[in-house]
Amino acid sequence: MAFIHIILLKFKESVTEQDAQEILRNLANIKNTLPGVIESVQLGVNFNHRSKGFTHGFTMVFKDRSALDTYIKAPEHVNVAKQYVHPNMEDILAFDYETADFSAPTL
């Protein structure tokens, strides 16, 4: 099992694509400052018309709930969110879940 942290971002109209990419780079770099906490990071730009205005997103994978909690509370994460993310967002959607193996029979 893994814990998945998904964030969808709706940037303010004043944010350029170059600015958005820099913000995403800062988010991705948190992985390097918290060794062993984040297993992987994927970032991308939306291409679907059903996004309700969310233009960018990222997914982080954690080995357990404790690692996700460590990330959420880490000063590195808090500082990036406060300095780069929140001031430039019109809206943010966070979704966290634990993966499940639906191929395994239930007892």
C-alpha atoms as a PDB file:
ATOM      1  CA  MET A   1       0.000   0.000   0.000  1.00  0.00           C
ATOM      2  CA  ALA A   2       1.048   3.587  -0.612  1.00  0.00           C
ATOM      3  CA  PHE A   3      -0.326   6.976   0.283  1.00  0.00           C
ATOM      4  CA  ILE A   4      -1.014   9.352  -2.593  1.00  0.00           C
ATOM      5  CA  HIS A   5      -1.139  13.151  -2.247  1.00  0.00           C
ATOM      6  CA  ILE A   6      -2.733  14.922  -5.223  1.00  0.00           C
ATOM      7  CA  ILE A   7      -2.840  18.704  -5.562  1.00  0.00           C
ATOM      8  CA  LEU A   8      -4.676  20.555  -8.336  1.00  0.00           C
ATOM      9  CA  LEU A   9      -3.769  24.194  -8.877  1.00  0.00           C
ATOM     10  CA  LYS A  10      -5.729  27.065 -10.382  1.00  0.00           C
ATOM     11  CA  PHE A  11      -3.273  29.932 -10.785  1.00  0.00           C
ATOM     12  CA  LYS A  12      -4.312  33.571 -10.664  1.00  0.00           C
ATOM     13  CA  GLU A  13      -4.617  35.132 -14.126  1.00  0.00           C
ATOM     14  CA  SER A  14      -1.566  37.303 -13.415  1.00  0.00           C
ATOM     15  CA  VAL A  15       0.713  34.236 -13.121  1.00  0.00           C
ATOM     16  CA  THR A  16       2.634  33.465 -16.319  1.00  0.00           C
ATOM     17  CA  GLU A  17       3.361  29.914 -17.455  1.00  0.00           C
ATOM     18  CA  GLN A  18       7.034  30.544 -16.673  1.00  0.00           C
ATOM     19  CA  ASP A  19       6.087  31.573 -13.112  1.00  0.00           C
ATOM     20  CA  ALA A  20       3.873  28.496 -12.790  1.00  0.00           C
ATOM     21  CA  GLN A  21       6.730  26.221 -13.879  1.00  0.00           C
ATOM     22  CA  GLU A  22       9.033  27.822 -11.297  1.00  0.00           C
ATOM     23  CA  ILE A  23       6.466  27.240  -8.550  1.00  0.00           C
ATOM     24  CA  LEU A  24       6.132  23.593  -9.604  1.00  0.00           C
ATOM     25  CA  ARG A  25       9.936  23.212  -9.591  1.00  0.00           C
ATOM     26  CA  ASN A  26      10.030  24.529  -6.031  1.00  0.00           C
ATOM     27  CA  LEU A  27       7.391  21.990  -5.028  1.00  0.00           C
ATOM     28  CA  ALA A  28       9.241  19.127  -6.719  1.00  0.00           C
ATOM     29  CA  ASN A  29      12.517  20.121  -5.057  1.00  0.00           C
ATOM     30  CA  ILE A  30      11.019  19.483  -1.624  1.00  0.00           C
ATOM     31  CA  LYS A  31      11.670  15.787  -2.329  1.00  0.00           C
ATOM     32  CA  ASN A  32      15.417  16.499  -2.288  1.00  0.00           C
ATOM     33  CA  THR A  33      15.231  18.298   1.059  1.00  0.00           C
ATOM     34  CA  LEU A  34      13.319  15.478   2.770  1.00  0.00           C
ATOM     35  CA  PRO A  35      15.276  12.313   1.929  1.00  0.00           C
ATOM     36  CA  GLY A  36      13.327   9.117   2.468  1.00  0.00           C
ATOM     37  CA  VAL A  37      10.001  10.887   2.992  1.00  0.00           C
ATOM     38  CA  ILE A  38       8.672  11.304  -0.577  1.00  0.00           C
ATOM     39  CA  GLU A  39       8.992   8.257  -2.836  1.00  0.00           C
ATOM     40  CA  SER A  40       8.110  10.021  -6.088  1.00  0.00           C
ATOM     41  CA  VAL A  41       6.788  13.276  -7.536  1.00  0.00           C
ATOM     42  CA  GLN A  42       4.977  13.780 -10.845  1.00  0.00           C
ATOM     43  CA  LEU A  43       3.953  17.203 -12.170  1.00  0.00           C
ATOM     44  CA  GLY A  44       1.975  18.233 -15.187  1.00  0.00           C
ATOM     45  CA  VAL A  45      -0.222  20.640 -17.094  1.00  0.00           C
ATOM     46  CA  ASN A  46      -3.885  19.826 -17.671  1.00  0.00           C
ATOM     47  CA  PHE A  47      -5.039  19.075 -21.217  1.00  0.00           C
ATOM     48  CA  ASN A  48      -8.650  18.124 -20.428  1.00  0.00           C
ATOM     49  CA  HIS A  49     -11.576  20.532 -20.865  1.00  0.00           C
ATOM     50  CA  ARG A  50     -13.342  19.101 -17.769  1.00  0.00           C
ATOM     51  CA  SER A  51     -10.791  20.474 -15.285  1.00  0.00           C
ATOM     52  CA  LYS A  52     -13.070  23.175 -13.816  1.00  0.00           C
ATOM     53  CA  GLY A  53     -10.295  25.715 -14.313  1.00  0.00           C
ATOM     54  CA  PHE A  54      -7.504  23.771 -12.619  1.00  0.00           C
ATOM     55  CA  THR A  55      -4.506  24.102 -14.917  1.00  0.00           C
ATOM     56  CA  HIS A  56      -1.645  22.277 -13.202  1.00  0.00           C
ATOM     57  CA  GLY A  57      -1.293  19.375 -10.850  1.00  0.00           C
ATOM     58  CA  PHE A  58       1.145  17.232  -9.008  1.00  0.00           C
ATOM     59  CA  THR A  59       1.127  13.875  -7.311  1.00  0.00           C
ATOM     60  CA  MET A  60       3.397  12.677  -4.536  1.00  0.00           C
ATOM     61  CA  VAL A  61       3.701   9.090  -3.357  1.00  0.00           C
ATOM     62  CA  PHE A  62       4.516   8.213   0.254  1.00  0.00           C
ATOM     63  CA  LYS A  63       5.260   4.776   1.705  1.00  0.00           C
ATOM     64  CA  ASP A  64       2.984   5.319   4.702  1.00  0.00           C
ATOM     65  CA  ARG A  65       0.724   7.796   6.460  1.00  0.00           C
ATOM     66  CA  SER A  66       3.537   8.855   8.776  1.00  0.00           C
ATOM     67  CA  ALA A  67       5.664   9.970   5.807  1.00  0.00           C
ATOM     68  CA  LEU A  68       2.747  12.004   4.404  1.00  0.00           C
ATOM     69  CA  ASP A  69       2.210  13.634   7.806  1.00  0.00           C
ATOM     70  CA  THR A  70       5.941  14.411   8.031  1.00  0.00           C
ATOM     71  CA  TYR A  71       5.793  16.127   4.623  1.00  0.00           C
ATOM     72  CA  ILE A  72       2.668  18.151   5.465  1.00  0.00           C
ATOM     73  CA  LYS A  73       4.252  19.511   8.664  1.00  0.00           C
ATOM     74  CA  ALA A  74       7.814  19.921   7.341  1.00  0.00           C
ATOM     75  CA  PRO A  75       9.122  23.505   7.371  1.00  0.00           C
ATOM     76  CA  GLU A  76      10.339  22.992   3.781  1.00  0.00           C
ATOM     77  CA  HIS A  77       6.763  22.301   2.630  1.00  0.00           C
ATOM     78  CA  VAL A  78       5.204  25.024   4.775  1.00  0.00           C
ATOM     79  CA  ASN A  79       7.682  27.619   3.489  1.00  0.00           C
ATOM     80  CA  VAL A  80       7.193  26.752  -0.200  1.00  0.00           C
ATOM     81  CA  ALA A  81       3.411  26.798   0.236  1.00  0.00           C
ATOM     82  CA  LYS A  82       3.492  30.142   2.039  1.00  0.00           C
ATOM     83  CA  GLN A  83       6.058  31.833  -0.224  1.00  0.00           C
ATOM     84  CA  TYR A  84       5.236  30.468  -3.685  1.00  0.00           C
ATOM     85  CA  VAL A  85       1.969  28.561  -3.800  1.00  0.00           C
ATOM     86  CA  HIS A  86      -0.752  30.331  -1.811  1.00  0.00           C
ATOM     87  CA  PRO A  87       0.017  33.901  -2.974  1.00  0.00           C
ATOM     88  CA  ASN A  88      -0.302  32.814  -6.619  1.00  0.00           C
ATOM     89  CA  MET A  89      -3.422  30.652  -6.461  1.00  0.00           C
ATOM     90  CA  GLU A  90      -7.020  31.365  -7.225  1.00  0.00           C
ATOM     91  CA  ASP A  91      -7.895  27.897  -5.909  1.00  0.00           C
ATOM     92  CA  ILE A  92      -6.260  24.676  -4.717  1.00  0.00           C
ATOM     93  CA  LEU A  93      -7.748  21.207  -4.381  1.00  0.00           C
ATOM     94  CA  ALA A  94      -6.011  18.564  -2.269  1.00  0.00           C
ATOM     95  CA  PHE A  95      -6.932  14.874  -2.331  1.00  0.00           C
ATOM     96  CA  ASP A  96      -5.126  12.223  -0.268  1.00  0.00           C
ATOM     97  CA  TYR A  97      -5.826   8.510  -0.348  1.00  0.00           C
ATOM     98  CA  GLU A  98      -4.377   5.131   0.527  1.00  0.00           C
ATOM     99  CA  THR A  99      -4.072   2.770  -2.407  1.00  0.00           C
ATOM    100  CA  ALA A 100      -6.124  -0.400  -2.296  1.00  0.00           C
ATOM    101  CA  ASP A 101      -5.615  -3.718  -4.034  1.00  0.00           C
ATOM    102  CA  PHE A 102      -8.999  -4.565  -5.512  1.00  0.00           C
ATOM    103  CA  SER A 103      -7.597  -7.621  -7.284  1.00  0.00           C
ATOM    104  CA  ALA A 104      -7.119  -9.425  -3.970  1.00  0.00           C
ATOM    105  CA  PRO A 105     -10.073 -11.469  -2.757  1.00  0.00           C
ATOM    106  CA  THR A 106     -11.853 -10.197   0.335  1.00  0.00           C
ATOM    107  CA  LEU A 107     -12.312 -12.540   3.253  1.00  0.00           C
END
